[in-house]
Amino acid sequence: MKIINVATTKREVFVDITEKIKEEIDKDGIIYLFVPHTTCAITINEGYDPEVCSDIIRCLSNIIKRDSPYFRHNEGNSDAHIKASIIGSSLSIFVKDKRLVLGRWQRIFLCEFDGPREREIWIKCLA
């Protein structure tokens, strides 16, 4: 297993980590990605237009308000936990000819919902 670190710069931001993941590929098969954090997530989505990620963040924030009165978690980041749970903490991606098998516009994003922070992505390649 390999671990890469990503520093986020805002409370809510999507960081394109596709190139960092590509650097870790050493064989064909499947690459598994996992984030061991409860307030960030990982996803695949369009990377050509940066407004797509901004739209996702805005939509989630409109649905899950940071200051919702029904939150009982006392750290003030319940919204981040919920957003991370909706997006998810893992991905699996095919690798062929030591290259990620992604669609034309697809990129891999670390989804920060409680930053800025230093985050880890755990990577495992299986042939």
N, C-alpha and C. Protein backbone atom coordinates (compact mmCIF):
# COMPACT_ATOMS: atom_id res chain seq x y z
N MET A 1 0.84 -1.18 0.00
CA MET A 1 0.00 0.00 0.00
C MET A 1 0.89 1.25 0.00
N LYS A 2 0.44 2.25 -0.74
CA LYS A 2 1.13 3.53 -0.78
C LYS A 2 0.21 4.59 -0.20
N ILE A 3 0.81 5.65 0.30
CA ILE A 3 0.04 6.77 0.86
C ILE A 3 0.55 8.05 0.22
N ILE A 4 -0.38 8.88 -0.26
CA ILE A 4 0.00 10.21 -0.72
C ILE A 4 -0.71 11.22 0.16
N ASN A 5 -0.08 12.37 0.32
CA ASN A 5 -0.64 13.44 1.14
C ASN A 5 -1.10 14.59 0.26
N VAL A 6 -2.20 15.19 0.66
CA VAL A 6 -2.75 16.34 -0.06
C VAL A 6 -3.11 17.40 0.98
N ALA A 7 -2.58 18.60 0.79
CA ALA A 7 -2.92 19.72 1.66
C ALA A 7 -4.06 20.50 1.00
N THR A 8 -5.15 20.69 1.73
CA THR A 8 -6.26 21.47 1.20
C THR A 8 -6.16 22.89 1.73
N THR A 9 -6.76 23.82 0.99
CA THR A 9 -6.57 25.24 1.30
C THR A 9 -7.83 25.97 1.74
N LYS A 10 -8.98 25.31 1.62
CA LYS A 10 -10.26 25.94 1.99
C LYS A 10 -11.08 24.95 2.80
N ARG A 11 -12.14 25.45 3.42
CA ARG A 11 -13.04 24.55 4.15
C ARG A 11 -13.68 23.56 3.21
N GLU A 12 -14.16 24.03 2.05
CA GLU A 12 -14.77 23.14 1.08
C GLU A 12 -14.11 23.38 -0.28
N VAL A 13 -13.48 22.33 -0.77
CA VAL A 13 -12.79 22.42 -2.05
C VAL A 13 -12.61 21.02 -2.63
N PHE A 14 -12.66 20.93 -3.95
CA PHE A 14 -12.33 19.68 -4.63
C PHE A 14 -10.93 19.86 -5.21
N VAL A 15 -10.05 18.93 -4.89
CA VAL A 15 -8.67 18.97 -5.35
C VAL A 15 -8.47 17.86 -6.38
N ASP A 16 -8.05 18.24 -7.57
CA ASP A 16 -7.80 17.25 -8.62
C ASP A 16 -6.52 16.50 -8.27
N ILE A 17 -6.65 15.21 -8.00
CA ILE A 17 -5.50 14.40 -7.60
C ILE A 17 -5.14 13.37 -8.68
N THR A 18 -5.70 13.53 -9.86
CA THR A 18 -5.50 12.54 -10.92
C THR A 18 -4.03 12.31 -11.22
N GLU A 19 -3.28 13.37 -11.39
CA GLU A 19 -1.85 13.22 -11.74
C GLU A 19 -1.07 12.55 -10.61
N LYS A 20 -1.39 12.88 -9.37
CA LYS A 20 -0.71 12.22 -8.23
C LYS A 20 -0.99 10.72 -8.23
N ILE A 21 -2.23 10.35 -8.57
CA ILE A 21 -2.58 8.94 -8.61
C ILE A 21 -1.85 8.25 -9.75
N LYS A 22 -1.79 8.89 -10.91
CA LYS A 22 -1.09 8.32 -12.07
C LYS A 22 0.36 7.98 -11.73
N GLU A 23 1.00 8.82 -10.93
CA GLU A 23 2.41 8.61 -10.56
C GLU A 23 2.61 7.33 -9.75
N GLU A 24 1.56 6.83 -9.12
CA GLU A 24 1.67 5.66 -8.25
C GLU A 24 1.36 4.34 -8.96
N ILE A 25 0.96 4.40 -10.21
CA ILE A 25 0.60 3.19 -10.94
C ILE A 25 1.86 2.46 -11.41
N ASP A 26 1.93 1.18 -11.07
CA ASP A 26 3.10 0.40 -11.46
C ASP A 26 2.75 -0.91 -12.15
N LYS A 27 1.44 -1.18 -12.34
CA LYS A 27 1.03 -2.41 -13.02
C LYS A 27 -0.41 -2.29 -13.47
N ASP A 28 -0.80 -3.17 -14.36
CA ASP A 28 -2.18 -3.24 -14.82
C ASP A 28 -3.03 -3.96 -13.78
N GLY A 29 -4.32 -3.70 -13.81
CA GLY A 29 -5.25 -4.36 -12.89
C GLY A 29 -6.29 -3.38 -12.41
N ILE A 30 -6.38 -3.26 -11.11
CA ILE A 30 -7.33 -2.34 -10.48
C ILE A 30 -6.57 -1.56 -9.42
N ILE A 31 -6.83 -0.26 -9.39
CA ILE A 31 -6.26 0.57 -8.34
C ILE A 31 -7.39 0.94 -7.38
N TYR A 32 -7.15 0.73 -6.10
CA TYR A 32 -8.11 1.07 -5.06
C TYR A 32 -7.63 2.31 -4.35
N LEU A 33 -8.53 3.26 -4.15
CA LEU A 33 -8.22 4.51 -3.46
C LEU A 33 -9.14 4.63 -2.26
N PHE A 34 -8.58 5.04 -1.13
CA PHE A 34 -9.35 5.17 0.10
C PHE A 34 -8.87 6.37 0.88
N VAL A 35 -9.81 7.17 1.40
CA VAL A 35 -9.44 8.27 2.28
C VAL A 35 -9.88 7.92 3.70
N PRO A 36 -8.92 7.88 4.64
CA PRO A 36 -9.22 7.46 6.01
C PRO A 36 -9.67 8.63 6.90
N HIS A 37 -10.56 9.44 6.39
CA HIS A 37 -11.03 10.62 7.11
C HIS A 37 -12.55 10.66 7.05
N THR A 38 -13.17 11.25 8.06
CA THR A 38 -14.64 11.27 8.11
C THR A 38 -15.25 12.57 7.61
N THR A 39 -14.42 13.54 7.25
CA THR A 39 -14.97 14.81 6.76
C THR A 39 -14.43 15.18 5.38
N CYS A 40 -13.88 14.21 4.68
CA CYS A 40 -13.54 14.41 3.28
C CYS A 40 -13.89 13.13 2.53
N ALA A 41 -13.89 13.22 1.21
CA ALA A 41 -14.33 12.10 0.39
C ALA A 41 -13.48 12.04 -0.87
N ILE A 42 -13.82 11.10 -1.74
CA ILE A 42 -13.11 10.97 -3.01
C ILE A 42 -14.15 10.61 -4.08
N THR A 43 -13.99 11.22 -5.25
CA THR A 43 -14.96 10.97 -6.32
C THR A 43 -14.32 11.13 -7.69
N ILE A 44 -15.02 10.65 -8.70
CA ILE A 44 -14.65 10.87 -10.09
C ILE A 44 -15.74 11.74 -10.70
N ASN A 45 -15.32 12.80 -11.39
CA ASN A 45 -16.29 13.63 -12.07
C ASN A 45 -15.59 14.42 -13.15
N GLU A 46 -16.32 15.31 -13.80
CA GLU A 46 -15.75 16.10 -14.89
C GLU A 46 -14.66 17.02 -14.38
N GLY A 47 -13.54 17.01 -15.10
CA GLY A 47 -12.42 17.86 -14.74
C GLY A 47 -12.14 18.97 -15.74
N TYR A 48 -12.87 18.99 -16.84
CA TYR A 48 -12.63 19.99 -17.88
C TYR A 48 -13.14 21.37 -17.45
N ASP A 49 -14.35 21.42 -16.93
CA ASP A 49 -14.96 22.67 -16.50
C ASP A 49 -14.93 22.74 -14.98
N PRO A 50 -14.14 23.64 -14.39
CA PRO A 50 -14.03 23.70 -12.92
C PRO A 50 -15.35 24.07 -12.23
N GLU A 51 -16.28 24.61 -12.98
CA GLU A 51 -17.58 24.96 -12.38
C GLU A 51 -18.38 23.73 -11.97
N VAL A 52 -18.07 22.57 -12.55
CA VAL A 52 -18.78 21.35 -12.15
C VAL A 52 -18.52 21.09 -10.66
N CYS A 53 -17.28 21.14 -10.24
CA CYS A 53 -16.96 20.91 -8.82
C CYS A 53 -17.57 22.00 -7.95
N SER A 54 -17.51 23.23 -8.39
CA SER A 54 -18.13 24.33 -7.64
C SER A 54 -19.63 24.12 -7.51
N ASP A 55 -20.26 23.65 -8.58
CA ASP A 55 -21.70 23.37 -8.53
C ASP A 55 -22.02 22.28 -7.52
N ILE A 56 -21.20 21.25 -7.48
CA ILE A 56 -21.44 20.15 -6.53
C ILE A 56 -21.33 20.68 -5.10
N ILE A 57 -20.29 21.45 -4.82
CA ILE A 57 -20.11 22.02 -3.48
C ILE A 57 -21.29 22.91 -3.12
N ARG A 58 -21.72 23.78 -4.03
CA ARG A 58 -22.85 24.68 -3.77
C ARG A 58 -24.14 23.88 -3.53
N CYS A 59 -24.36 22.88 -4.33
CA CYS A 59 -25.58 22.07 -4.19
C CYS A 59 -25.60 21.36 -2.84
N LEU A 60 -24.49 20.71 -2.49
CA LEU A 60 -24.44 20.03 -1.19
C LEU A 60 -24.63 21.01 -0.04
N SER A 61 -24.03 22.20 -0.16
CA SER A 61 -24.14 23.20 0.90
C SER A 61 -25.55 23.77 1.01
N ASN A 62 -26.27 23.81 -0.11
CA ASN A 62 -27.67 24.26 -0.06
C ASN A 62 -28.57 23.22 0.59
N ILE A 63 -28.24 21.96 0.39
CA ILE A 63 -29.04 20.87 0.96
C ILE A 63 -28.68 20.64 2.42
N ILE A 64 -27.39 20.68 2.71
CA ILE A 64 -26.89 20.38 4.06
C ILE A 64 -26.24 21.65 4.60
N LYS A 65 -27.00 22.43 5.31
CA LYS A 65 -26.55 23.72 5.83
C LYS A 65 -25.58 23.53 6.99
N ARG A 66 -24.53 24.31 7.00
CA ARG A 66 -23.51 24.20 8.06
C ARG A 66 -24.09 24.48 9.44
N ASP A 67 -25.04 25.40 9.53
CA ASP A 67 -25.59 25.81 10.83
C ASP A 67 -26.98 25.24 11.11
N SER A 68 -27.28 24.08 10.55
CA SER A 68 -28.60 23.49 10.76
C SER A 68 -28.85 23.23 12.24
N PRO A 69 -30.02 23.62 12.72
CA PRO A 69 -30.30 23.48 14.16
C PRO A 69 -30.49 22.03 14.62
N TYR A 70 -30.66 21.10 13.71
CA TYR A 70 -30.89 19.72 14.11
C TYR A 70 -29.59 18.94 14.32
N PHE A 71 -28.44 19.54 14.05
CA PHE A 71 -27.17 18.84 14.29
C PHE A 71 -26.91 18.75 15.78
N ARG A 72 -26.50 17.58 16.23
CA ARG A 72 -26.18 17.38 17.65
C ARG A 72 -24.69 17.22 17.89
N HIS A 73 -23.93 16.91 16.86
CA HIS A 73 -22.49 16.76 16.97
C HIS A 73 -21.89 18.11 17.38
N ASN A 74 -21.13 18.13 18.46
CA ASN A 74 -20.74 19.42 19.05
C ASN A 74 -19.46 20.03 18.48
N GLU A 75 -18.85 19.46 17.47
CA GLU A 75 -17.64 20.05 16.90
C GLU A 75 -17.94 21.11 15.84
N GLY A 76 -19.20 21.24 15.45
CA GLY A 76 -19.56 22.24 14.46
C GLY A 76 -19.26 21.84 13.02
N ASN A 77 -19.01 20.56 12.79
CA ASN A 77 -18.72 20.12 11.42
C ASN A 77 -19.61 18.95 10.99
N SER A 78 -20.81 18.89 11.53
CA SER A 78 -21.73 17.82 11.15
C SER A 78 -21.99 17.82 9.65
N ASP A 79 -22.09 19.01 9.07
CA ASP A 79 -22.34 19.08 7.63
C ASP A 79 -21.24 18.38 6.85
N ALA A 80 -20.00 18.53 7.30
CA ALA A 80 -18.86 17.89 6.61
C ALA A 80 -18.96 16.37 6.69
N HIS A 81 -19.35 15.85 7.84
CA HIS A 81 -19.52 14.40 7.98
C HIS A 81 -20.60 13.87 7.03
N ILE A 82 -21.70 14.59 6.93
CA ILE A 82 -22.80 14.15 6.08
C ILE A 82 -22.40 14.21 4.60
N LYS A 83 -21.77 15.31 4.19
CA LYS A 83 -21.33 15.46 2.79
C LYS A 83 -20.34 14.36 2.42
N ALA A 84 -19.39 14.08 3.32
CA ALA A 84 -18.40 13.03 3.05
C ALA A 84 -19.08 11.66 2.93
N SER A 85 -20.08 11.42 3.76
CA SER A 85 -20.79 10.14 3.69
C SER A 85 -21.55 10.00 2.38
N ILE A 86 -22.12 11.07 1.90
CA ILE A 86 -22.87 11.03 0.63
C ILE A 86 -21.94 10.74 -0.54
N ILE A 87 -20.80 11.41 -0.60
CA ILE A 87 -19.86 11.23 -1.72
C ILE A 87 -19.14 9.89 -1.61
N GLY A 88 -18.63 9.55 -0.44
CA GLY A 88 -17.97 8.25 -0.24
C GLY A 88 -16.48 8.35 -0.01
N SER A 89 -15.93 7.30 0.56
CA SER A 89 -14.53 7.32 0.97
C SER A 89 -13.61 6.43 0.13
N SER A 90 -14.13 5.80 -0.93
CA SER A 90 -13.27 4.91 -1.71
C SER A 90 -13.68 4.87 -3.18
N LEU A 91 -12.72 4.47 -4.01
CA LEU A 91 -12.93 4.27 -5.44
C LEU A 91 -12.14 3.07 -5.89
N SER A 92 -12.58 2.45 -6.94
CA SER A 92 -11.78 1.44 -7.63
C SER A 92 -11.81 1.80 -9.11
N ILE A 93 -10.62 1.76 -9.74
CA ILE A 93 -10.49 2.18 -11.14
C ILE A 93 -9.64 1.16 -11.87
N PHE A 94 -10.08 0.78 -13.07
CA PHE A 94 -9.29 -0.13 -13.89
C PHE A 94 -8.02 0.55 -14.37
N VAL A 95 -6.96 -0.25 -14.51
CA VAL A 95 -5.68 0.21 -15.05
C VAL A 95 -5.30 -0.70 -16.20
N LYS A 96 -5.05 -0.11 -17.37
CA LYS A 96 -4.65 -0.87 -18.56
C LYS A 96 -3.45 -0.17 -19.17
N ASP A 97 -2.42 -0.95 -19.51
CA ASP A 97 -1.18 -0.40 -20.05
C ASP A 97 -0.60 0.65 -19.10
N LYS A 98 -0.74 0.39 -17.80
CA LYS A 98 -0.26 1.26 -16.73
C LYS A 98 -0.87 2.66 -16.80
N ARG A 99 -2.10 2.73 -17.29
CA ARG A 99 -2.82 4.00 -17.37
C ARG A 99 -4.22 3.82 -16.79
N LEU A 100 -4.69 4.85 -16.09
CA LEU A 100 -6.04 4.82 -15.56
C LEU A 100 -7.04 4.73 -16.71
N VAL A 101 -8.06 3.91 -16.54
CA VAL A 101 -9.12 3.81 -17.55
C VAL A 101 -10.25 4.73 -17.08
N LEU A 102 -10.19 5.96 -17.58
CA LEU A 102 -11.18 6.98 -17.25
C LEU A 102 -11.81 7.49 -18.53
N GLY A 103 -13.01 8.04 -18.42
CA GLY A 103 -13.66 8.67 -19.56
C GLY A 103 -12.93 9.94 -19.94
N ARG A 104 -13.25 10.44 -21.11
CA ARG A 104 -12.55 11.59 -21.69
C ARG A 104 -12.44 12.78 -20.74
N TRP A 105 -13.51 13.11 -20.03
CA TRP A 105 -13.51 14.30 -19.18
C TRP A 105 -13.32 13.98 -17.71
N GLN A 106 -13.18 12.71 -17.38
CA GLN A 106 -13.13 12.32 -15.97
C GLN A 106 -11.78 12.60 -15.32
N ARG A 107 -11.87 13.06 -14.07
CA ARG A 107 -10.71 13.28 -13.22
C ARG A 107 -11.06 12.76 -11.83
N ILE A 108 -10.05 12.54 -11.01
CA ILE A 108 -10.24 12.06 -9.64
C ILE A 108 -10.07 13.25 -8.70
N PHE A 109 -11.02 13.41 -7.78
CA PHE A 109 -11.00 14.55 -6.87
C PHE A 109 -11.05 14.11 -5.41
N LEU A 110 -10.20 14.73 -4.60
CA LEU A 110 -10.34 14.67 -3.15
C LEU A 110 -11.34 15.77 -2.82
N CYS A 111 -12.37 15.44 -2.08
CA CYS A 111 -13.44 16.38 -1.75
C CYS A 111 -13.31 16.79 -0.29
N GLU A 112 -12.80 17.98 -0.07
CA GLU A 112 -12.61 18.49 1.29
C GLU A 112 -13.88 19.21 1.75
N PHE A 113 -14.36 18.85 2.95
CA PHE A 113 -15.53 19.49 3.51
C PHE A 113 -15.29 20.10 4.88
N ASP A 114 -14.05 20.01 5.39
CA ASP A 114 -13.74 20.53 6.73
C ASP A 114 -12.29 21.00 6.81
N GLY A 115 -11.87 21.70 5.79
CA GLY A 115 -10.48 22.14 5.72
C GLY A 115 -10.30 23.54 6.26
N PRO A 116 -9.11 24.06 6.05
CA PRO A 116 -7.98 23.39 5.40
C PRO A 116 -7.33 22.35 6.32
N ARG A 117 -6.88 21.29 5.69
CA ARG A 117 -6.25 20.19 6.44
C ARG A 117 -5.23 19.47 5.57
N GLU A 118 -4.46 18.63 6.21
CA GLU A 118 -3.56 17.70 5.52
C GLU A 118 -4.30 16.37 5.46
N ARG A 119 -4.47 15.83 4.25
CA ARG A 119 -5.23 14.60 4.08
C ARG A 119 -4.36 13.51 3.48
N GLU A 120 -4.74 12.27 3.74
CA GLU A 120 -4.05 11.12 3.15
C GLU A 120 -4.98 10.40 2.17
N ILE A 121 -4.38 9.84 1.15
CA ILE A 121 -5.08 8.94 0.25
C ILE A 121 -4.29 7.65 0.24
N TRP A 122 -4.93 6.56 0.57
CA TRP A 122 -4.30 5.25 0.58
C TRP A 122 -4.54 4.60 -0.76
N ILE A 123 -3.50 4.01 -1.32
CA ILE A 123 -3.55 3.46 -2.68
C ILE A 123 -3.06 2.03 -2.68
N LYS A 124 -3.80 1.18 -3.35
CA LYS A 124 -3.39 -0.22 -3.52
C LYS A 124 -3.66 -0.64 -4.96
N CYS A 125 -2.62 -1.12 -5.63
CA CYS A 125 -2.76 -1.64 -7.01
C CYS A 125 -2.76 -3.16 -6.95
N LEU A 126 -3.76 -3.75 -7.57
CA LEU A 126 -3.82 -5.22 -7.65
C LEU A 126 -3.86 -5.64 -9.10
N ALA A 127 -3.03 -6.62 -9.43
CA ALA A 127 -2.99 -7.14 -10.81
C ALA A 127 -4.02 -8.22 -10.99
